[in-house]
């Protein structure tokens, strides 16, 4: 699933994305999985990757056929790569999202070192940092 959080500003968009990720994680871990377990079914797990930045919302297809919207950007690409690096039941966020979070939410992130991660921050030339988000507390 890809979710896009538009306006009003980068801080609110990043906070909304983090809140959504935490909500999805908690719903799976403390809601859906309890019901599945009670019914003797296998539990679900997740991997979530977040990044913040610009994206183009493109309409694909002619009006006479099925039309859908698509998101295109380097941000979407990096988000997918971050998600692929996440472990079982883990939320990872990119440097852009981490920097844009309100202070209270920044307290819930921890820098992680990824293997085979060679993406660079275009502004600094340094490795693009990735953070793990703790979604266990009720803040």
N, C-alpha and C. Protein backbone atom coordinates (compact mmCIF):
# COMPACT_ATOMS: atom_id res chain seq x y z
N UNK A 1 0.84 -1.16 0.00
CA UNK A 1 0.00 0.00 0.00
C UNK A 1 0.89 1.23 0.00
N UNK A 2 0.52 2.22 -0.77
CA UNK A 2 1.19 3.50 -0.76
C UNK A 2 0.19 4.54 -0.30
N UNK A 3 0.59 5.33 0.68
CA UNK A 3 -0.28 6.41 1.17
C UNK A 3 0.46 7.72 0.97
N UNK A 4 -0.29 8.74 0.62
CA UNK A 4 0.26 10.07 0.37
C UNK A 4 -0.48 11.05 1.26
N UNK A 5 0.28 11.83 2.01
CA UNK A 5 -0.32 12.80 2.93
C UNK A 5 0.01 14.20 2.43
N UNK A 6 -0.93 14.84 1.75
CA UNK A 6 -0.68 16.18 1.20
C UNK A 6 -0.79 17.26 2.27
N UNK A 7 -0.66 18.47 1.90
CA UNK A 7 -0.77 19.69 2.69
C UNK A 7 -1.23 19.43 4.13
N UNK A 8 -1.10 20.29 5.08
CA UNK A 8 -0.84 21.71 4.89
C UNK A 8 0.65 22.07 4.88
N UNK A 9 1.51 21.28 5.55
CA UNK A 9 2.93 21.60 5.57
C UNK A 9 3.72 20.32 5.83
N UNK A 10 5.03 20.39 5.65
CA UNK A 10 5.87 19.20 5.77
C UNK A 10 5.82 18.58 7.17
N UNK A 11 5.79 19.41 8.21
CA UNK A 11 5.73 18.88 9.57
C UNK A 11 4.44 18.10 9.78
N UNK A 12 3.31 18.67 9.42
CA UNK A 12 2.03 17.99 9.61
C UNK A 12 1.93 16.75 8.74
N UNK A 13 2.44 16.82 7.51
CA UNK A 13 2.41 15.64 6.62
C UNK A 13 3.23 14.50 7.24
N UNK A 14 4.41 14.82 7.76
CA UNK A 14 5.27 13.80 8.36
C UNK A 14 4.64 13.22 9.61
N UNK A 15 4.09 14.09 10.46
CA UNK A 15 3.41 13.62 11.67
C UNK A 15 2.23 12.72 11.31
N UNK A 16 1.45 13.11 10.29
CA UNK A 16 0.31 12.30 9.87
C UNK A 16 0.76 10.93 9.35
N UNK A 17 1.84 10.90 8.59
CA UNK A 17 2.35 9.63 8.07
C UNK A 17 2.80 8.72 9.21
N UNK A 18 3.51 9.28 10.19
CA UNK A 18 3.96 8.49 11.34
C UNK A 18 2.77 8.01 12.16
N UNK A 19 1.80 8.89 12.39
CA UNK A 19 0.59 8.49 13.14
C UNK A 19 -0.15 7.36 12.43
N UNK A 20 -0.25 7.44 11.11
CA UNK A 20 -0.91 6.39 10.32
C UNK A 20 -0.16 5.07 10.45
N UNK A 21 1.17 5.12 10.34
CA UNK A 21 1.98 3.91 10.46
C UNK A 21 1.80 3.26 11.83
N UNK A 22 1.82 4.08 12.88
CA UNK A 22 1.64 3.55 14.23
C UNK A 22 0.25 2.94 14.38
N UNK A 23 -0.76 3.61 13.86
CA UNK A 23 -2.14 3.11 13.93
C UNK A 23 -2.26 1.77 13.22
N UNK A 24 -1.68 1.67 12.01
CA UNK A 24 -1.75 0.40 11.27
C UNK A 24 -1.04 -0.71 12.04
N UNK A 25 0.12 -0.41 12.58
CA UNK A 25 0.88 -1.41 13.33
C UNK A 25 0.10 -1.89 14.55
N UNK A 26 -0.43 -0.96 15.30
CA UNK A 26 -1.20 -1.33 16.50
C UNK A 26 -2.46 -2.11 16.15
N UNK A 27 -3.12 -1.73 15.06
CA UNK A 27 -4.33 -2.44 14.65
C UNK A 27 -4.00 -3.90 14.32
N UNK A 28 -2.90 -4.10 13.63
CA UNK A 28 -2.51 -5.48 13.29
C UNK A 28 -2.11 -6.24 14.55
N UNK A 29 -1.23 -5.66 15.36
CA UNK A 29 -0.66 -6.37 16.51
C UNK A 29 -1.65 -6.59 17.64
N UNK A 30 -2.50 -5.60 17.92
CA UNK A 30 -3.37 -5.73 19.10
C UNK A 30 -4.84 -5.94 18.76
N UNK A 31 -5.18 -5.94 17.50
CA UNK A 31 -6.57 -6.13 17.10
C UNK A 31 -6.74 -7.33 16.20
N UNK A 32 -6.30 -7.18 14.97
CA UNK A 32 -6.49 -8.23 13.97
C UNK A 32 -5.84 -9.55 14.40
N UNK A 33 -4.59 -9.48 14.89
CA UNK A 33 -3.90 -10.72 15.24
C UNK A 33 -4.55 -11.45 16.41
N UNK A 34 -5.15 -10.72 17.33
CA UNK A 34 -5.86 -11.37 18.44
C UNK A 34 -7.04 -12.19 17.92
N UNK A 35 -7.77 -11.63 16.99
CA UNK A 35 -8.92 -12.32 16.40
C UNK A 35 -8.45 -13.53 15.59
N UNK A 36 -7.40 -13.34 14.79
CA UNK A 36 -6.87 -14.45 14.00
C UNK A 36 -6.40 -15.59 14.91
N UNK A 37 -5.70 -15.24 15.97
CA UNK A 37 -5.19 -16.25 16.91
C UNK A 37 -6.34 -17.01 17.57
N UNK A 38 -7.39 -16.29 17.98
CA UNK A 38 -8.55 -16.93 18.60
C UNK A 38 -9.21 -17.93 17.66
N UNK A 39 -9.14 -17.66 16.36
CA UNK A 39 -9.76 -18.53 15.37
C UNK A 39 -8.80 -19.58 14.82
N UNK A 40 -7.60 -19.66 15.39
CA UNK A 40 -6.63 -20.65 14.97
C UNK A 40 -6.01 -20.36 13.61
N UNK A 41 -6.02 -19.09 13.22
CA UNK A 41 -5.46 -18.69 11.93
C UNK A 41 -4.09 -18.05 12.11
N UNK A 42 -3.27 -18.07 11.07
CA UNK A 42 -1.95 -17.45 11.19
C UNK A 42 -2.07 -15.93 11.37
N UNK A 43 -1.14 -15.38 12.14
CA UNK A 43 -1.13 -13.95 12.39
C UNK A 43 -0.51 -13.19 11.22
N UNK A 44 -0.87 -11.93 11.11
CA UNK A 44 -0.30 -11.05 10.09
C UNK A 44 0.95 -10.37 10.64
N UNK A 45 1.82 -9.97 9.75
CA UNK A 45 2.95 -9.13 10.13
C UNK A 45 3.04 -8.00 9.10
N UNK A 46 3.90 -7.04 9.36
CA UNK A 46 4.01 -5.89 8.48
C UNK A 46 5.45 -5.42 8.41
N UNK A 47 5.73 -4.64 7.38
CA UNK A 47 6.97 -3.87 7.22
C UNK A 47 6.54 -2.53 6.64
N UNK A 48 6.89 -1.46 7.32
CA UNK A 48 6.47 -0.13 6.87
C UNK A 48 7.70 0.74 6.65
N UNK A 49 7.73 1.44 5.52
CA UNK A 49 8.79 2.38 5.21
C UNK A 49 8.21 3.73 4.87
N UNK A 50 8.74 4.78 5.49
CA UNK A 50 8.24 6.14 5.28
C UNK A 50 9.36 7.06 4.83
N UNK A 51 9.02 8.00 3.99
CA UNK A 51 9.92 9.09 3.64
C UNK A 51 9.07 10.29 3.26
N UNK A 52 9.65 11.46 3.33
CA UNK A 52 8.92 12.70 3.04
C UNK A 52 9.58 13.45 1.91
N UNK A 53 8.76 14.07 1.10
CA UNK A 53 9.27 14.87 -0.01
C UNK A 53 8.19 15.09 -1.04
N UNK A 54 8.60 15.63 -2.15
CA UNK A 54 7.65 15.94 -3.21
C UNK A 54 7.30 14.70 -4.02
N UNK A 55 6.08 14.72 -4.56
CA UNK A 55 5.63 13.64 -5.46
C UNK A 55 4.68 14.23 -6.48
N UNK A 56 4.66 13.62 -7.62
CA UNK A 56 3.73 14.02 -8.67
C UNK A 56 2.56 13.05 -8.64
N UNK A 57 1.36 13.59 -8.61
CA UNK A 57 0.16 12.76 -8.70
C UNK A 57 -0.24 12.77 -10.17
N UNK A 58 -0.11 11.61 -10.82
CA UNK A 58 -0.38 11.51 -12.25
C UNK A 58 -1.64 10.69 -12.50
N UNK A 59 -2.45 11.14 -13.44
CA UNK A 59 -3.62 10.38 -13.86
C UNK A 59 -3.18 9.49 -15.03
N UNK A 60 -3.44 8.21 -14.89
CA UNK A 60 -3.04 7.23 -15.90
C UNK A 60 -4.30 6.68 -16.58
N UNK A 61 -4.31 6.71 -17.89
CA UNK A 61 -5.43 6.14 -18.65
C UNK A 61 -6.33 7.21 -19.24
N UNK A 62 -7.04 6.82 -20.26
CA UNK A 62 -8.00 7.71 -20.93
C UNK A 62 -9.33 7.68 -20.20
N UNK A 63 -10.10 8.75 -20.33
CA UNK A 63 -11.41 8.82 -19.67
C UNK A 63 -12.35 7.71 -20.11
N UNK A 64 -12.17 7.19 -21.31
CA UNK A 64 -13.07 6.16 -21.83
C UNK A 64 -12.76 4.77 -21.26
N UNK A 65 -11.64 4.63 -20.60
CA UNK A 65 -11.28 3.35 -19.97
C UNK A 65 -11.01 3.60 -18.50
N UNK A 66 -10.59 2.57 -17.81
CA UNK A 66 -10.32 2.69 -16.39
C UNK A 66 -9.18 3.69 -16.15
N UNK A 67 -9.44 4.69 -15.34
CA UNK A 67 -8.46 5.72 -15.01
C UNK A 67 -8.06 5.53 -13.55
N UNK A 68 -6.78 5.66 -13.28
CA UNK A 68 -6.34 5.63 -11.89
C UNK A 68 -5.25 6.66 -11.67
N UNK A 69 -5.00 6.96 -10.43
CA UNK A 69 -3.97 7.91 -10.04
C UNK A 69 -2.71 7.14 -9.67
N UNK A 70 -1.58 7.73 -9.93
CA UNK A 70 -0.31 7.13 -9.57
C UNK A 70 0.57 8.21 -8.95
N UNK A 71 1.43 7.81 -8.03
CA UNK A 71 2.39 8.72 -7.41
C UNK A 71 3.76 8.42 -7.97
N UNK A 72 4.45 9.47 -8.41
CA UNK A 72 5.75 9.30 -9.04
C UNK A 72 6.73 10.27 -8.39
N UNK A 73 7.85 9.74 -7.88
CA UNK A 73 8.90 10.61 -7.36
C UNK A 73 10.03 9.77 -6.79
N UNK A 74 11.13 10.45 -6.57
CA UNK A 74 12.25 9.81 -5.88
C UNK A 74 11.86 9.45 -4.45
N UNK A 75 11.03 10.28 -3.84
CA UNK A 75 10.56 10.01 -2.47
C UNK A 75 9.82 8.67 -2.40
N UNK A 76 8.95 8.40 -3.37
CA UNK A 76 8.22 7.14 -3.41
C UNK A 76 9.21 5.98 -3.59
N UNK A 77 10.18 6.17 -4.46
CA UNK A 77 11.18 5.15 -4.71
C UNK A 77 11.98 4.83 -3.43
N UNK A 78 12.45 5.86 -2.75
CA UNK A 78 13.21 5.65 -1.51
C UNK A 78 12.33 5.03 -0.43
N UNK A 79 11.08 5.44 -0.33
CA UNK A 79 10.16 4.85 0.65
C UNK A 79 10.05 3.34 0.45
N UNK A 80 9.93 2.93 -0.80
CA UNK A 80 9.83 1.50 -1.10
C UNK A 80 11.12 0.77 -0.72
N UNK A 81 12.26 1.40 -0.96
CA UNK A 81 13.53 0.78 -0.61
C UNK A 81 13.71 0.71 0.91
N UNK A 82 13.24 1.73 1.62
CA UNK A 82 13.27 1.72 3.09
C UNK A 82 12.38 0.59 3.61
N UNK A 83 11.18 0.48 3.05
CA UNK A 83 10.25 -0.57 3.46
C UNK A 83 10.86 -1.96 3.26
N UNK A 84 11.57 -2.14 2.17
CA UNK A 84 12.18 -3.44 1.88
C UNK A 84 13.26 -3.78 2.90
N UNK A 85 13.85 -2.79 3.55
CA UNK A 85 14.88 -3.02 4.57
C UNK A 85 14.29 -3.26 5.96
N UNK A 86 13.01 -2.97 6.13
CA UNK A 86 12.38 -3.15 7.44
C UNK A 86 12.30 -4.62 7.80
N UNK A 87 12.44 -4.89 9.07
CA UNK A 87 12.29 -6.25 9.57
C UNK A 87 10.83 -6.57 9.82
N UNK A 88 10.58 -7.76 10.28
CA UNK A 88 9.23 -8.20 10.60
C UNK A 88 8.65 -7.29 11.69
N UNK A 89 7.46 -6.74 11.44
CA UNK A 89 6.76 -5.86 12.38
C UNK A 89 7.60 -4.64 12.76
N UNK A 90 8.23 -4.03 11.78
CA UNK A 90 9.10 -2.87 12.02
C UNK A 90 8.68 -1.70 11.13
N UNK A 91 8.80 -0.49 11.68
CA UNK A 91 8.57 0.74 10.94
C UNK A 91 9.91 1.46 10.83
N UNK A 92 10.33 1.72 9.59
CA UNK A 92 11.54 2.49 9.34
C UNK A 92 11.17 3.79 8.65
N UNK A 93 11.86 4.85 9.03
CA UNK A 93 11.59 6.15 8.41
C UNK A 93 12.89 6.77 7.91
N UNK A 94 12.76 7.51 6.83
CA UNK A 94 13.91 8.19 6.24
C UNK A 94 14.24 9.49 6.96
N UNK A 95 15.42 9.95 6.67
CA UNK A 95 15.97 11.17 7.26
C UNK A 95 15.05 12.38 7.07
N UNK A 96 14.46 12.52 5.90
CA UNK A 96 13.58 13.68 5.66
C UNK A 96 12.38 13.68 6.58
N UNK A 97 11.79 12.52 6.79
CA UNK A 97 10.65 12.41 7.70
C UNK A 97 11.09 12.67 9.13
N UNK A 98 12.21 12.07 9.53
CA UNK A 98 12.71 12.23 10.90
C UNK A 98 12.96 13.70 11.22
N UNK A 99 13.56 14.41 10.30
CA UNK A 99 13.87 15.83 10.53
C UNK A 99 12.63 16.70 10.59
N UNK A 100 11.55 16.27 9.96
CA UNK A 100 10.33 17.10 9.90
C UNK A 100 9.36 16.81 11.04
N UNK A 101 9.63 15.83 11.87
CA UNK A 101 8.71 15.47 12.94
C UNK A 101 8.74 16.49 14.08
N UNK A 102 7.58 16.63 14.76
CA UNK A 102 7.55 17.39 15.99
C UNK A 102 8.48 16.73 17.01
N UNK A 103 8.97 17.50 17.95
CA UNK A 103 9.93 17.02 18.93
C UNK A 103 9.44 15.79 19.69
N UNK A 104 8.18 15.77 20.09
CA UNK A 104 7.66 14.63 20.86
C UNK A 104 7.74 13.33 20.06
N UNK A 105 7.56 13.40 18.77
CA UNK A 105 7.63 12.21 17.94
C UNK A 105 9.09 11.81 17.67
N UNK A 106 9.97 12.78 17.63
CA UNK A 106 11.40 12.46 17.43
C UNK A 106 11.96 11.62 18.56
N UNK A 107 11.37 11.74 19.74
CA UNK A 107 11.82 10.95 20.90
C UNK A 107 11.57 9.46 20.68
N UNK A 108 10.75 9.11 19.71
CA UNK A 108 10.37 7.71 19.48
C UNK A 108 11.19 7.05 18.37
N UNK A 109 12.18 7.76 17.85
CA UNK A 109 12.96 7.19 16.76
C UNK A 109 14.40 6.93 17.21
N UNK A 110 15.01 5.94 16.56
CA UNK A 110 16.37 5.56 16.87
C UNK A 110 17.09 5.27 15.55
N UNK A 111 18.26 5.86 15.38
CA UNK A 111 19.04 5.65 14.17
C UNK A 111 19.42 4.17 14.04
N UNK A 112 19.30 3.66 12.81
CA UNK A 112 19.69 2.28 12.55
C UNK A 112 20.75 2.25 11.45
N UNK A 113 21.61 1.28 11.52
CA UNK A 113 22.62 1.07 10.49
C UNK A 113 22.16 -0.09 9.63
N UNK A 114 21.99 0.17 8.35
CA UNK A 114 21.53 -0.86 7.43
C UNK A 114 22.70 -1.39 6.62
N UNK A 115 22.67 -2.68 6.34
CA UNK A 115 23.67 -3.24 5.45
C UNK A 115 23.20 -3.03 4.02
N UNK A 116 24.11 -2.90 3.12
CA UNK A 116 23.80 -2.70 1.70
C UNK A 116 22.92 -1.48 1.47
N UNK A 117 23.17 -0.42 2.17
CA UNK A 117 22.42 0.83 2.02
C UNK A 117 23.40 1.91 1.60
N UNK A 118 23.35 2.29 0.34
CA UNK A 118 24.33 3.27 -0.15
C UNK A 118 23.68 4.52 -0.73
N UNK A 119 22.47 4.82 -0.29
CA UNK A 119 21.79 6.02 -0.77
C UNK A 119 22.34 7.24 -0.04
N UNK A 120 22.50 8.32 -0.78
CA UNK A 120 23.11 9.53 -0.23
C UNK A 120 22.08 10.65 -0.12
N UNK A 121 22.28 11.49 0.88
CA UNK A 121 21.52 12.72 1.00
C UNK A 121 22.10 13.67 -0.04
N UNK A 122 21.28 14.10 -0.97
CA UNK A 122 21.78 14.94 -2.06
C UNK A 122 22.35 16.27 -1.58
N UNK A 123 21.84 16.78 -0.48
CA UNK A 123 22.31 18.08 0.02
C UNK A 123 23.67 17.97 0.70
N UNK A 124 23.90 16.86 1.43
CA UNK A 124 25.13 16.73 2.21
C UNK A 124 26.15 15.77 1.60
N UNK A 125 25.69 14.87 0.74
CA UNK A 125 26.57 13.85 0.19
C UNK A 125 26.83 12.70 1.15
N UNK A 126 26.29 12.80 2.36
CA UNK A 126 26.45 11.74 3.37
C UNK A 126 25.40 10.66 3.16
N UNK A 127 25.61 9.52 3.81
CA UNK A 127 24.64 8.44 3.74
C UNK A 127 23.28 8.93 4.24
N UNK A 128 22.22 8.61 3.48
CA UNK A 128 20.86 8.98 3.86
C UNK A 128 20.48 8.14 5.07
N UNK A 129 20.24 8.79 6.20
CA UNK A 129 20.01 8.09 7.46
C UNK A 129 18.61 7.48 7.54
N UNK A 130 18.55 6.34 8.18
CA UNK A 130 17.30 5.62 8.40
C UNK A 130 17.11 5.44 9.90
N UNK A 131 15.87 5.55 10.34
CA UNK A 131 15.53 5.45 11.75
C UNK A 131 14.43 4.43 11.95
N UNK A 132 14.49 3.78 13.11
CA UNK A 132 13.44 2.85 13.52
C UNK A 132 12.47 3.62 14.40
N UNK A 133 11.19 3.39 14.20
CA UNK A 133 10.15 4.08 14.97
C UNK A 133 9.55 3.12 15.98
N UNK A 134 9.57 3.52 17.24
CA UNK A 134 8.97 2.73 18.31
C UNK A 134 7.47 3.01 18.32
N UNK A 135 6.67 2.01 18.11
CA UNK A 135 5.21 2.21 18.13
C UNK A 135 4.57 1.51 19.32
N UNK A 136 5.37 1.16 20.33
CA UNK A 136 4.82 0.43 21.46
C UNK A 136 4.20 1.32 22.53
N UNK A 137 4.68 2.56 22.69
CA UNK A 137 4.13 3.42 23.74
C UNK A 137 2.80 4.03 23.29
N UNK A 138 2.07 4.55 24.25
CA UNK A 138 0.73 5.08 23.94
C UNK A 138 0.71 6.58 23.77
N UNK A 139 1.86 7.22 23.60
CA UNK A 139 1.91 8.68 23.40
C UNK A 139 1.14 9.10 22.19
